[in-house]
Amino acid sequence: MSVSKRRQTKSRKRKRASHFALKKVNISTCPKCKSEVLSHHACATCGVYKGKEVLKVDKKDAKKKAEKKK
């Protein structure tokens, strides 16, 4: 790996680092159970995605997850 000949200025370093910021996570609500769900993901509590049941979720596990969130 090469060694730079000149020191990088503060402004140049900060311009590069401006893209390192964390991005906001898109959270929506499940239309069936009203819990928070990431966009384009199946609901972990009820297993529904786009109005269809995709995952089989035990009701006991769903209650535990809902209680932990509160």
C-alpha atoms as a PDB file:
ATOM      1  CA  MET A   1       0.000   0.000   0.000  1.00  0.00           C
ATOM      2  CA  SER A   2       1.411   3.373  -0.934  1.00  0.00           C
ATOM      3  CA  VAL A   3       2.087   6.235   1.435  1.00  0.00           C
ATOM      4  CA  SER A   4       0.638   9.623   0.565  1.00  0.00           C
ATOM      5  CA  LYS A   5       3.124  12.414  -0.122  1.00  0.00           C
ATOM      6  CA  ARG A   6       0.997  15.229   1.298  1.00  0.00           C
ATOM      7  CA  ARG A   7      -1.264  15.503   4.289  1.00  0.00           C
ATOM      8  CA  GLN A   8      -4.965  15.520   3.484  1.00  0.00           C
ATOM      9  CA  THR A   9      -6.740  18.725   4.513  1.00  0.00           C
ATOM     10  CA  LYS A  10      -9.628  18.779   7.001  1.00  0.00           C
ATOM     11  CA  SER A  11     -12.105  19.879   4.351  1.00  0.00           C
ATOM     12  CA  ARG A  12     -11.116  17.113   1.961  1.00  0.00           C
ATOM     13  CA  LYS A  13     -11.333  14.509   4.725  1.00  0.00           C
ATOM     14  CA  ARG A  14     -14.773  15.788   5.815  1.00  0.00           C
ATOM     15  CA  LYS A  15     -16.091  15.781   2.251  1.00  0.00           C
ATOM     16  CA  ARG A  16     -15.207  12.107   1.969  1.00  0.00           C
ATOM     17  CA  ALA A  17     -16.655  11.297   5.394  1.00  0.00           C
ATOM     18  CA  SER A  18     -19.972  13.026   4.646  1.00  0.00           C
ATOM     19  CA  HIS A  19     -21.252   9.772   3.111  1.00  0.00           C
ATOM     20  CA  PHE A  20     -20.535   7.688   6.217  1.00  0.00           C
ATOM     21  CA  ALA A  21     -23.664   8.811   8.104  1.00  0.00           C
ATOM     22  CA  LEU A  22     -26.217   6.187   9.136  1.00  0.00           C
ATOM     23  CA  LYS A  23     -29.387   6.069   7.102  1.00  0.00           C
ATOM     24  CA  LYS A  24     -32.872   6.180   8.615  1.00  0.00           C
ATOM     25  CA  VAL A  25     -34.645   2.806   8.768  1.00  0.00           C
ATOM     26  CA  ASN A  26     -38.075   2.663   7.106  1.00  0.00           C
ATOM     27  CA  ILE A  27     -40.500   1.202   9.635  1.00  0.00           C
ATOM     28  CA  SER A  28     -44.136   0.649   8.768  1.00  0.00           C
ATOM     29  CA  THR A  29     -47.016  -0.962  10.643  1.00  0.00           C
ATOM     30  CA  CYS A  30     -48.517  -4.352   9.920  1.00  0.00           C
ATOM     31  CA  PRO A  31     -52.111  -3.939   8.666  1.00  0.00           C
ATOM     32  CA  LYS A  32     -53.216  -7.111  10.459  1.00  0.00           C
ATOM     33  CA  CYS A  33     -51.660  -6.924  13.937  1.00  0.00           C
ATOM     34  CA  LYS A  34     -50.510  -3.248  13.986  1.00  0.00           C
ATOM     35  CA  SER A  35     -46.954  -4.107  15.092  1.00  0.00           C
ATOM     36  CA  GLU A  36     -43.856  -2.408  13.672  1.00  0.00           C
ATOM     37  CA  VAL A  37     -42.334  -4.091  10.610  1.00  0.00           C
ATOM     38  CA  LEU A  38     -39.423  -3.250   8.332  1.00  0.00           C
ATOM     39  CA  SER A  39     -40.470  -2.313   4.802  1.00  0.00           C
ATOM     40  CA  HIS A  40     -40.569  -5.241   2.346  1.00  0.00           C
ATOM     41  CA  HIS A  41     -40.321  -7.809   5.174  1.00  0.00           C
ATOM     42  CA  ALA A  42     -42.837 -10.287   6.558  1.00  0.00           C
ATOM     43  CA  CYS A  43     -44.316  -9.487   9.974  1.00  0.00           C
ATOM     44  CA  ALA A  44     -42.569 -11.441  12.734  1.00  0.00           C
ATOM     45  CA  THR A  45     -45.616 -11.519  15.015  1.00  0.00           C
ATOM     46  CA  CYS A  46     -48.318 -12.708  12.600  1.00  0.00           C
ATOM     47  CA  GLY A  47     -46.328 -13.877   9.538  1.00  0.00           C
ATOM     48  CA  VAL A  48     -48.229 -11.808   6.955  1.00  0.00           C
ATOM     49  CA  TYR A  49     -46.671 -10.156   3.887  1.00  0.00           C
ATOM     50  CA  LYS A  50     -48.764  -8.201   1.358  1.00  0.00           C
ATOM     51  CA  GLY A  51     -52.007  -9.586   2.805  1.00  0.00           C
ATOM     52  CA  LYS A  52     -50.942 -13.233   2.558  1.00  0.00           C
ATOM     53  CA  GLU A  53     -49.746 -15.527   5.336  1.00  0.00           C
ATOM     54  CA  VAL A  54     -46.175 -16.367   4.432  1.00  0.00           C
ATOM     55  CA  LEU A  55     -44.782 -17.638   7.747  1.00  0.00           C
ATOM     56  CA  LYS A  56     -46.343 -19.969  10.272  1.00  0.00           C
ATOM     57  CA  VAL A  57     -45.902 -18.319  13.666  1.00  0.00           C
ATOM     58  CA  ASP A  58     -46.894 -19.817  17.018  1.00  0.00           C
ATOM     59  CA  LYS A  59     -49.256 -17.551  18.914  1.00  0.00           C
ATOM     60  CA  LYS A  60     -47.274 -18.091  22.123  1.00  0.00           C
ATOM     61  CA  ASP A  61     -44.076 -16.836  20.477  1.00  0.00           C
ATOM     62  CA  ALA A  62     -45.881 -13.853  18.978  1.00  0.00           C
ATOM     63  CA  LYS A  63     -47.200 -12.798  22.397  1.00  0.00           C
ATOM     64  CA  LYS A  64     -43.719 -13.042  23.921  1.00  0.00           C
ATOM     65  CA  LYS A  65     -42.212 -10.894  21.153  1.00  0.00           C
ATOM     66  CA  ALA A  66     -44.970  -8.303  21.520  1.00  0.00           C
ATOM     67  CA  GLU A  67     -44.428  -8.109  25.297  1.00  0.00           C
ATOM     68  CA  LYS A  68     -40.671  -7.680  24.898  1.00  0.00           C
ATOM     69  CA  LYS A  69     -41.178  -4.696  22.556  1.00  0.00           C
ATOM     70  CA  LYS A  70     -43.248  -2.851  25.178  1.00  0.00           C
END
